[in-house]
Amino acid sequence: MPFHKPLYLFLLHVAFCIQAAAQPPFPERILTRHPANDRYASYSPDGKWIVFESDRNGQWNIFLMDAEGEQVVQLTDLPAPCRRPSWHPNGRKVLFESTIDGVSALFEVNTDGSGRREVMRLNEETDAGLFACYDPGGRRIAYTLQESETNFNLYLYTPTENRTTTLFTDEYRNVYPQWHPSGKEILFFSRHETNNEDDEIYRLKLKSGKLKRLTHWPRHNFCPAWSPGGRRIAYATSMEDIRPEIYIMNKNGKRQQRVTFNEDGDTLPHWHPDGKKLLITGYRGDNFEICEIGLE
């Protein structure tokens, strides 16, 4: 039977609806209850601490709190916004991005707020986000670089060698690199095959350069995150004309399972090291909060 795209998309939508209706709601716990915006949270490698960004002091800065949402500590206080933190694999440092002297740069800071240092400086300012993160061995950093208004590409930086290499480039939008626990693959979302119209999730094998598309839902699929064992992927997806929700799928893109059912939208999932919980950024009321979703 010849391929019929409208019928395929309709059946895909029906499958999504049936699956969503069959799933029970997963318990949610809001960890930050602050009138400002709290976003982009992730657990420390031991699961005891959470790093996140917040504009609660009038400018974006990096904060730390314990796994219960308490003992909140501000880690950064630069004259420019500090954004999009991620953990060093040793759990003692946090990587974040900021601007200095009119250009974008990556910085590290210890979890006690000391030892801030510049890791890498770009030759330009990019406000669209570097989304930088260390590989599991702490030797290389994957990041996004905006080349033009519609073109974003992926690169690797090796601090010990002060060397930058290309991960993936084309003429479209390729952002948000996330390392597989083995360090051999990268997840990211891209408009590589959609003519810059919607985002889809891809896996990239570093050794061979082989690219595998995992999602085929024309409403944006984005912000993927590997589970601790690398067998599952959490991600955000837009559902029809409503705000995005969180889904989980197998590493091959199959068996999608809807996790959140909220009217105001959810994004930026990150796994707990035990694989039993997710941190997400949820729009609750009039601002973004850090929420924890139980998966069991």
Foldseek 3Di string as FASTA:
>chain_A
DDDDVVVVQVVVLVVVVVQAVPDDAFDKDFLDDAPWFWAQWAAFLQRFKIKIWTCRVVAIFIWMATNNSHPIDTQDDDPWHWHRWDAQLVRQKIKIWTDDPQWIFIWIAGPVNPDIDTQGTDPHHDPPFFLWDAQNVRFKIKTWDDPDPFFIAIWIAGRVVRDIDGLDGDRGYWGNWEAQNVRQKTKIWICVPVVRQEIWIWIAGRPVRDIATQDDNRQHKGQWEAQLNRQKIKTWGDNDPAAIFIWMATNNNPDIHTHDDDRQYKGNWYARNVRQKIWIWTCDDHYTTIMITGND
